[in-house]
Amino acid sequence: MSKEILLLEHVEGLGREGDVVHVADGYASNYLLPRGKAAPVNPSTRRLLLKKQAERAERDAVERGQAEQRAKQIAKASCTIPMKTTENGRLYGSVHEAQIMDALKAQGVVLRKDELRMAQPLQTTGVFEIPVQVHPDVSTVLKVWVVEE
């Protein structure tokens, strides 16, 4: 059997605050309900659901606005990373996310490692466009210049 419940807080692997989900009876009655993480769905919790959905929509709109501002700041920035190279332009080593984040931090732009979407480390000199995902709905591109030292 399954039970329909309203999540009162984020539960990893199940849903976010304000979601209505179906879970096993035992999971609901032995874990979620006693710990205050969920409530059974009834007319009063439906009203609570509407309130939580409105709060989440407002919070998401604010977060998206902040993410769009960060995306504009990141799109304007570019970083130059000097590296030792061989005669044919290959790098001794490679450029990783940490080096890019340090170069940006010096410019006042702060990124988290999970926001950079590098498929693999950079191994040659040149100009690279690295995708950056600052919010699930907001992404931008960062220019990275890898030059000879």
N, C-alpha and C. Protein backbone atom coordinates (compact mmCIF):
# COMPACT_ATOMS: atom_id res chain seq x y z
N MET A 1 0.85 -1.19 0.00
CA MET A 1 0.00 0.00 0.00
C MET A 1 0.88 1.24 0.00
N SER A 2 0.32 2.32 -0.50
CA SER A 2 1.07 3.57 -0.46
C SER A 2 0.17 4.65 0.14
N LYS A 3 0.84 5.65 0.63
CA LYS A 3 0.15 6.73 1.31
C LYS A 3 0.57 8.05 0.66
N GLU A 4 -0.40 8.95 0.49
CA GLU A 4 -0.12 10.26 -0.07
C GLU A 4 0.19 11.21 1.09
N ILE A 5 1.38 11.85 1.02
CA ILE A 5 1.78 12.76 2.10
C ILE A 5 2.30 14.06 1.52
N LEU A 6 2.29 15.10 2.35
CA LEU A 6 2.84 16.41 2.01
C LEU A 6 4.17 16.55 2.72
N LEU A 7 5.22 16.84 1.96
CA LEU A 7 6.54 17.03 2.58
C LEU A 7 6.62 18.41 3.20
N LEU A 8 7.01 18.46 4.46
CA LEU A 8 7.14 19.72 5.18
C LEU A 8 8.56 20.27 5.11
N GLU A 9 9.52 19.44 4.65
CA GLU A 9 10.89 19.86 4.43
C GLU A 9 11.48 19.00 3.33
N HIS A 10 12.63 19.40 2.82
CA HIS A 10 13.29 18.65 1.75
C HIS A 10 13.74 17.29 2.28
N VAL A 11 13.41 16.23 1.53
CA VAL A 11 13.85 14.88 1.87
C VAL A 11 14.62 14.37 0.66
N GLU A 12 15.91 14.11 0.86
CA GLU A 12 16.79 13.68 -0.23
C GLU A 12 16.24 12.42 -0.90
N GLY A 13 16.15 12.47 -2.22
CA GLY A 13 15.68 11.33 -2.98
C GLY A 13 14.17 11.18 -3.04
N LEU A 14 13.45 12.07 -2.38
CA LEU A 14 12.00 11.96 -2.35
C LEU A 14 11.32 13.20 -2.92
N GLY A 15 11.73 14.38 -2.46
CA GLY A 15 11.13 15.60 -2.97
C GLY A 15 11.48 16.81 -2.13
N ARG A 16 10.99 17.96 -2.61
CA ARG A 16 11.25 19.22 -1.93
C ARG A 16 10.08 19.58 -1.03
N GLU A 17 10.32 20.56 -0.18
CA GLU A 17 9.28 21.06 0.71
C GLU A 17 8.07 21.50 -0.12
N GLY A 18 6.88 21.05 0.29
CA GLY A 18 5.65 21.43 -0.40
C GLY A 18 5.21 20.44 -1.45
N ASP A 19 6.00 19.41 -1.74
CA ASP A 19 5.62 18.40 -2.72
C ASP A 19 4.66 17.40 -2.09
N VAL A 20 3.71 16.90 -2.89
CA VAL A 20 2.85 15.81 -2.47
C VAL A 20 3.38 14.56 -3.16
N VAL A 21 3.74 13.54 -2.35
CA VAL A 21 4.34 12.32 -2.89
C VAL A 21 3.63 11.10 -2.33
N HIS A 22 3.79 9.98 -3.04
CA HIS A 22 3.28 8.69 -2.58
C HIS A 22 4.45 7.89 -2.04
N VAL A 23 4.32 7.39 -0.83
CA VAL A 23 5.36 6.57 -0.21
C VAL A 23 4.71 5.35 0.43
N ALA A 24 5.51 4.37 0.77
CA ALA A 24 5.02 3.18 1.47
C ALA A 24 4.48 3.58 2.84
N ASP A 25 3.46 2.85 3.28
CA ASP A 25 2.84 3.15 4.58
C ASP A 25 3.86 3.14 5.71
N GLY A 26 4.73 2.13 5.73
CA GLY A 26 5.71 2.02 6.81
C GLY A 26 6.69 3.17 6.82
N TYR A 27 7.15 3.60 5.64
CA TYR A 27 8.09 4.72 5.55
C TYR A 27 7.44 5.99 6.08
N ALA A 28 6.17 6.18 5.73
CA ALA A 28 5.46 7.37 6.20
C ALA A 28 5.23 7.32 7.70
N SER A 29 4.66 6.21 8.18
CA SER A 29 4.27 6.16 9.60
C SER A 29 5.44 5.94 10.55
N ASN A 30 6.54 5.33 10.08
CA ASN A 30 7.66 5.07 10.98
C ASN A 30 8.79 6.08 10.89
N TYR A 31 8.86 6.82 9.80
CA TYR A 31 9.99 7.74 9.64
C TYR A 31 9.54 9.18 9.38
N LEU A 32 8.81 9.41 8.31
CA LEU A 32 8.50 10.78 7.90
C LEU A 32 7.55 11.51 8.87
N LEU A 33 6.46 10.88 9.24
CA LEU A 33 5.48 11.54 10.11
C LEU A 33 6.01 11.78 11.52
N PRO A 34 6.63 10.79 12.20
CA PRO A 34 7.11 11.05 13.57
C PRO A 34 8.20 12.11 13.64
N ARG A 35 9.00 12.24 12.61
CA ARG A 35 10.08 13.23 12.63
C ARG A 35 9.64 14.61 12.15
N GLY A 36 8.37 14.75 11.78
CA GLY A 36 7.86 16.05 11.35
C GLY A 36 8.32 16.45 9.96
N LYS A 37 8.75 15.49 9.18
CA LYS A 37 9.20 15.78 7.82
C LYS A 37 8.04 15.80 6.84
N ALA A 38 6.88 15.25 7.24
CA ALA A 38 5.73 15.16 6.35
C ALA A 38 4.45 15.19 7.17
N ALA A 39 3.35 15.40 6.45
CA ALA A 39 2.03 15.38 7.07
C ALA A 39 1.08 14.67 6.12
N PRO A 40 0.08 13.95 6.66
CA PRO A 40 -0.88 13.31 5.77
C PRO A 40 -1.68 14.37 5.01
N VAL A 41 -2.09 14.03 3.80
CA VAL A 41 -2.83 14.99 2.98
C VAL A 41 -4.30 14.95 3.41
N ASN A 42 -4.80 16.12 3.84
CA ASN A 42 -6.20 16.30 4.20
C ASN A 42 -6.54 17.76 3.89
N PRO A 43 -7.77 18.20 4.11
CA PRO A 43 -8.12 19.59 3.73
C PRO A 43 -7.23 20.65 4.38
N SER A 44 -6.83 20.49 5.64
CA SER A 44 -5.99 21.52 6.27
C SER A 44 -4.57 21.51 5.69
N THR A 45 -4.04 20.31 5.41
CA THR A 45 -2.69 20.28 4.82
C THR A 45 -2.73 20.72 3.37
N ARG A 46 -3.86 20.59 2.68
CA ARG A 46 -3.98 21.13 1.32
C ARG A 46 -3.82 22.65 1.34
N ARG A 47 -4.41 23.30 2.37
CA ARG A 47 -4.22 24.75 2.50
C ARG A 47 -2.75 25.06 2.78
N LEU A 48 -2.13 24.25 3.65
CA LEU A 48 -0.70 24.40 3.93
C LEU A 48 0.11 24.20 2.66
N LEU A 49 -0.30 23.23 1.84
CA LEU A 49 0.38 22.96 0.57
C LEU A 49 0.34 24.19 -0.32
N LEU A 50 -0.81 24.82 -0.44
CA LEU A 50 -0.92 26.02 -1.28
C LEU A 50 -0.03 27.14 -0.76
N LYS A 51 0.02 27.28 0.57
CA LYS A 51 0.87 28.32 1.17
C LYS A 51 2.34 28.02 0.89
N LYS A 52 2.76 26.76 1.07
CA LYS A 52 4.15 26.39 0.83
C LYS A 52 4.53 26.54 -0.64
N GLN A 53 3.61 26.21 -1.56
CA GLN A 53 3.89 26.37 -2.97
C GLN A 53 4.06 27.84 -3.34
N ALA A 54 3.25 28.72 -2.72
CA ALA A 54 3.40 30.14 -2.98
C ALA A 54 4.73 30.66 -2.44
N GLU A 55 5.11 30.19 -1.24
CA GLU A 55 6.40 30.59 -0.67
C GLU A 55 7.55 30.10 -1.54
N ARG A 56 7.45 28.85 -2.03
CA ARG A 56 8.51 28.31 -2.87
C ARG A 56 8.61 29.07 -4.19
N ALA A 57 7.46 29.42 -4.78
CA ALA A 57 7.48 30.17 -6.04
C ALA A 57 8.15 31.53 -5.84
N GLU A 58 7.85 32.18 -4.72
CA GLU A 58 8.47 33.47 -4.42
C GLU A 58 9.97 33.32 -4.20
N ARG A 59 10.36 32.30 -3.42
CA ARG A 59 11.77 32.04 -3.15
C ARG A 59 12.52 31.68 -4.44
N ASP A 60 11.90 30.86 -5.30
CA ASP A 60 12.52 30.48 -6.57
C ASP A 60 12.71 31.68 -7.48
N ALA A 61 11.74 32.60 -7.48
CA ALA A 61 11.86 33.81 -8.31
C ALA A 61 13.02 34.67 -7.85
N VAL A 62 13.20 34.80 -6.54
CA VAL A 62 14.32 35.58 -5.99
C VAL A 62 15.64 34.91 -6.34
N GLU A 63 15.72 33.58 -6.15
CA GLU A 63 16.95 32.85 -6.46
C GLU A 63 17.29 32.94 -7.95
N ARG A 64 16.28 32.87 -8.79
CA ARG A 64 16.51 32.97 -10.25
C ARG A 64 17.03 34.36 -10.61
N GLY A 65 16.48 35.40 -9.99
CA GLY A 65 16.95 36.76 -10.24
C GLY A 65 18.41 36.92 -9.83
N GLN A 66 18.76 36.38 -8.67
CA GLN A 66 20.15 36.44 -8.21
C GLN A 66 21.05 35.65 -9.15
N ALA A 67 20.58 34.51 -9.62
CA ALA A 67 21.37 33.68 -10.54
C ALA A 67 21.58 34.40 -11.87
N GLU A 68 20.59 35.11 -12.34
CA GLU A 68 20.73 35.86 -13.60
C GLU A 68 21.76 36.97 -13.45
N GLN A 69 21.78 37.63 -12.28
CA GLN A 69 22.79 38.66 -12.04
C GLN A 69 24.19 38.04 -12.02
N ARG A 70 24.34 36.90 -11.34
CA ARG A 70 25.64 36.21 -11.31
C ARG A 70 26.05 35.79 -12.71
N ALA A 71 25.10 35.32 -13.51
CA ALA A 71 25.41 34.88 -14.87
C ALA A 71 25.93 36.04 -15.70
N LYS A 72 25.34 37.22 -15.55
CA LYS A 72 25.82 38.40 -16.27
C LYS A 72 27.24 38.75 -15.84
N GLN A 73 27.51 38.68 -14.54
CA GLN A 73 28.84 38.98 -14.01
C GLN A 73 29.85 37.96 -14.55
N ILE A 74 29.50 36.70 -14.60
CA ILE A 74 30.41 35.66 -15.09
C ILE A 74 30.65 35.82 -16.58
N ALA A 75 29.60 36.16 -17.34
CA ALA A 75 29.75 36.32 -18.78
C ALA A 75 30.68 37.48 -19.13
N LYS A 76 30.70 38.51 -18.30
CA LYS A 76 31.60 39.65 -18.53
C LYS A 76 33.04 39.32 -18.19
N ALA A 77 33.23 38.40 -17.27
CA ALA A 77 34.58 38.06 -16.81
C ALA A 77 35.26 37.10 -17.78
N SER A 78 36.57 37.13 -17.78
CA SER A 78 37.36 36.12 -18.46
C SER A 78 38.63 35.96 -17.65
N CYS A 79 39.24 34.80 -17.75
CA CYS A 79 40.45 34.61 -16.97
C CYS A 79 41.57 34.10 -17.88
N THR A 80 42.78 34.51 -17.53
CA THR A 80 43.97 34.10 -18.26
C THR A 80 44.81 33.25 -17.32
N ILE A 81 45.18 32.08 -17.81
CA ILE A 81 45.96 31.16 -16.99
C ILE A 81 47.26 30.85 -17.72
N PRO A 82 48.39 31.34 -17.19
CA PRO A 82 49.68 31.03 -17.82
C PRO A 82 50.16 29.64 -17.40
N MET A 83 50.64 28.88 -18.39
CA MET A 83 51.12 27.52 -18.13
C MET A 83 52.40 27.28 -18.92
N LYS A 84 53.25 26.41 -18.41
CA LYS A 84 54.44 26.00 -19.14
C LYS A 84 54.01 25.06 -20.27
N THR A 85 54.65 25.24 -21.44
CA THR A 85 54.25 24.45 -22.60
C THR A 85 55.45 23.81 -23.30
N THR A 86 55.15 22.83 -24.13
CA THR A 86 56.16 22.22 -24.99
C THR A 86 56.28 23.08 -26.24
N GLU A 87 57.16 22.67 -27.16
CA GLU A 87 57.34 23.47 -28.39
C GLU A 87 56.10 23.45 -29.27
N ASN A 88 55.31 22.41 -29.23
CA ASN A 88 54.13 22.34 -30.11
C ASN A 88 52.84 22.86 -29.45
N GLY A 89 52.93 23.52 -28.30
CA GLY A 89 51.77 24.16 -27.67
C GLY A 89 51.03 23.30 -26.67
N ARG A 90 51.46 22.08 -26.44
CA ARG A 90 50.83 21.24 -25.42
C ARG A 90 51.31 21.67 -24.03
N LEU A 91 50.47 21.53 -23.07
CA LEU A 91 50.80 21.95 -21.71
C LEU A 91 51.54 20.86 -20.95
N TYR A 92 52.44 21.29 -20.07
CA TYR A 92 52.99 20.38 -19.07
C TYR A 92 51.94 20.33 -17.97
N GLY A 93 51.14 19.30 -17.94
CA GLY A 93 50.02 19.23 -17.01
C GLY A 93 48.75 19.68 -17.71
N SER A 94 47.77 20.11 -16.96
CA SER A 94 46.52 20.57 -17.54
C SER A 94 45.86 21.58 -16.61
N VAL A 95 44.86 22.28 -17.14
CA VAL A 95 44.14 23.30 -16.39
C VAL A 95 42.84 22.68 -15.88
N HIS A 96 42.66 22.72 -14.56
CA HIS A 96 41.48 22.13 -13.92
C HIS A 96 40.56 23.23 -13.39
N GLU A 97 39.41 22.81 -12.87
CA GLU A 97 38.41 23.74 -12.34
C GLU A 97 38.99 24.62 -11.23
N ALA A 98 39.81 24.05 -10.36
CA ALA A 98 40.35 24.80 -9.23
C ALA A 98 41.19 25.98 -9.69
N GLN A 99 41.99 25.80 -10.74
CA GLN A 99 42.81 26.90 -11.25
C GLN A 99 41.93 28.00 -11.83
N ILE A 100 40.87 27.62 -12.52
CA ILE A 100 39.96 28.61 -13.10
C ILE A 100 39.25 29.36 -11.97
N MET A 101 38.80 28.65 -10.95
CA MET A 101 38.10 29.30 -9.83
C MET A 101 39.03 30.26 -9.10
N ASP A 102 40.31 29.89 -8.92
CA ASP A 102 41.27 30.78 -8.27
C ASP A 102 41.50 32.03 -9.09
N ALA A 103 41.62 31.88 -10.42
CA ALA A 103 41.83 33.04 -11.29
C ALA A 103 40.62 33.97 -11.25
N LEU A 104 39.44 33.41 -11.18
CA LEU A 104 38.23 34.24 -11.10
C LEU A 104 38.08 34.90 -9.73
N LYS A 105 38.48 34.19 -8.68
CA LYS A 105 38.38 34.74 -7.34
C LYS A 105 39.23 36.00 -7.21
N ALA A 106 40.37 36.03 -7.90
CA ALA A 106 41.22 37.22 -7.89
C ALA A 106 40.51 38.41 -8.52
N GLN A 107 39.55 38.15 -9.40
CA GLN A 107 38.77 39.21 -10.04
C GLN A 107 37.48 39.54 -9.27
N GLY A 108 37.23 38.81 -8.20
CA GLY A 108 36.04 39.06 -7.39
C GLY A 108 34.83 38.25 -7.83
N VAL A 109 35.02 37.26 -8.70
CA VAL A 109 33.93 36.40 -9.15
C VAL A 109 34.09 35.06 -8.44
N VAL A 110 33.08 34.66 -7.69
CA VAL A 110 33.16 33.41 -6.93
C VAL A 110 32.28 32.36 -7.60
N LEU A 111 32.88 31.21 -7.87
CA LEU A 111 32.17 30.07 -8.45
C LEU A 111 32.35 28.85 -7.57
N ARG A 112 31.37 27.96 -7.61
CA ARG A 112 31.53 26.66 -6.97
C ARG A 112 31.96 25.66 -8.03
N LYS A 113 32.67 24.63 -7.62
CA LYS A 113 33.20 23.64 -8.55
C LYS A 113 32.07 22.96 -9.34
N ASP A 114 30.93 22.74 -8.71
CA ASP A 114 29.84 22.06 -9.40
C ASP A 114 29.15 22.95 -10.44
N GLU A 115 29.44 24.24 -10.44
CA GLU A 115 28.84 25.13 -11.43
C GLU A 115 29.59 25.09 -12.76
N LEU A 116 30.89 24.79 -12.73
CA LEU A 116 31.67 24.68 -13.97
C LEU A 116 31.36 23.35 -14.63
N ARG A 117 31.09 23.37 -15.92
CA ARG A 117 30.73 22.15 -16.66
C ARG A 117 31.83 21.79 -17.65
N MET A 118 33.03 21.53 -17.13
CA MET A 118 34.14 21.14 -17.98
C MET A 118 34.05 19.65 -18.27
N ALA A 119 34.09 19.29 -19.56
CA ALA A 119 34.04 17.87 -19.92
C ALA A 119 35.34 17.19 -19.53
N GLN A 120 36.45 17.89 -19.72
CA GLN A 120 37.77 17.37 -19.36
C GLN A 120 38.70 18.54 -19.13
N PRO A 121 39.82 18.33 -18.46
CA PRO A 121 40.78 19.41 -18.22
C PRO A 121 41.34 19.94 -19.55
N LEU A 122 41.71 21.21 -19.56
CA LEU A 122 42.27 21.85 -20.76
C LEU A 122 43.74 21.46 -20.87
N GLN A 123 44.16 21.00 -22.07
CA GLN A 123 45.50 20.49 -22.23
C GLN A 123 46.31 21.19 -23.31
N THR A 124 45.75 22.22 -23.94
CA THR A 124 46.48 22.98 -24.95
C THR A 124 46.28 24.47 -24.68
N THR A 125 47.11 25.29 -25.33
CA THR A 125 46.92 26.73 -25.23
C THR A 125 45.77 27.13 -26.14
N GLY A 126 45.18 28.27 -25.85
CA GLY A 126 44.09 28.77 -26.68
C GLY A 126 43.01 29.41 -25.85
N VAL A 127 41.91 29.74 -26.53
CA VAL A 127 40.75 30.35 -25.89
C VAL A 127 39.66 29.28 -25.81
N PHE A 128 39.10 29.10 -24.63
CA PHE A 128 38.08 28.08 -24.42
C PHE A 128 36.84 28.72 -23.83
N GLU A 129 35.69 28.25 -24.25
CA GLU A 129 34.43 28.69 -23.67
C GLU A 129 33.91 27.57 -22.79
N ILE A 130 33.88 27.84 -21.49
CA ILE A 130 33.47 26.84 -20.50
C ILE A 130 32.04 27.13 -20.07
N PRO A 131 31.13 26.17 -20.23
CA PRO A 131 29.76 26.40 -19.76
C PRO A 131 29.70 26.47 -18.23
N VAL A 132 28.86 27.38 -17.73
CA VAL A 132 28.68 27.55 -16.29
C VAL A 132 27.18 27.49 -16.01
N GLN A 133 26.77 26.61 -15.10
CA GLN A 133 25.37 26.45 -14.73
C GLN A 133 25.20 27.02 -13.32
N VAL A 134 24.67 28.26 -13.21
CA VAL A 134 24.55 28.90 -11.90
C VAL A 134 23.22 28.61 -11.21
N HIS A 135 22.26 28.09 -11.96
CA HIS A 135 20.92 27.78 -11.45
C HIS A 135 20.35 26.73 -12.40
N PRO A 136 19.42 25.90 -11.98
CA PRO A 136 18.89 24.91 -12.92
C PRO A 136 18.34 25.51 -14.21
N ASP A 137 17.88 26.75 -14.16
CA ASP A 137 17.31 27.39 -15.35
C ASP A 137 18.22 28.46 -15.96
N VAL A 138 19.37 28.74 -15.35
CA VAL A 138 20.23 29.83 -15.81
C VAL A 138 21.65 29.30 -16.04
N SER A 139 22.13 29.50 -17.27
CA SER A 139 23.51 29.11 -17.58
C SER A 139 24.15 30.21 -18.41
N THR A 140 25.47 30.18 -18.46
CA THR A 140 26.23 31.17 -19.22
C THR A 140 27.53 30.51 -19.67
N VAL A 141 28.38 31.31 -20.33
CA VAL A 141 29.66 30.81 -20.82
C VAL A 141 30.77 31.69 -20.28
N LEU A 142 31.86 31.07 -19.85
CA LEU A 142 33.03 31.78 -19.34
C LEU A 142 34.17 31.58 -20.31
N LYS A 143 34.85 32.68 -20.68
CA LYS A 143 36.02 32.58 -21.55
C LYS A 143 37.27 32.38 -20.72
N VAL A 144 38.03 31.35 -21.08
CA VAL A 144 39.27 31.03 -20.39
C VAL A 144 40.39 31.05 -21.43
N TRP A 145 41.40 31.88 -21.17
CA TRP A 145 42.57 31.98 -22.03
C TRP A 145 43.70 31.19 -21.39
N VAL A 146 44.20 30.19 -22.06
CA VAL A 146 45.35 29.44 -21.58
C VAL A 146 46.52 29.88 -22.46
N VAL A 147 47.52 30.53 -21.83
CA VAL A 147 48.65 31.10 -22.57
C VAL A 147 49.96 30.51 -22.10
N GLU A 148 51.00 30.70 -22.94
CA GLU A 148 52.33 30.25 -22.59
C GLU A 148 52.89 31.10 -21.48
N GLU A 149 53.58 30.47 -20.54
CA GLU A 149 54.19 31.19 -19.41
C GLU A 149 55.48 31.84 -19.81
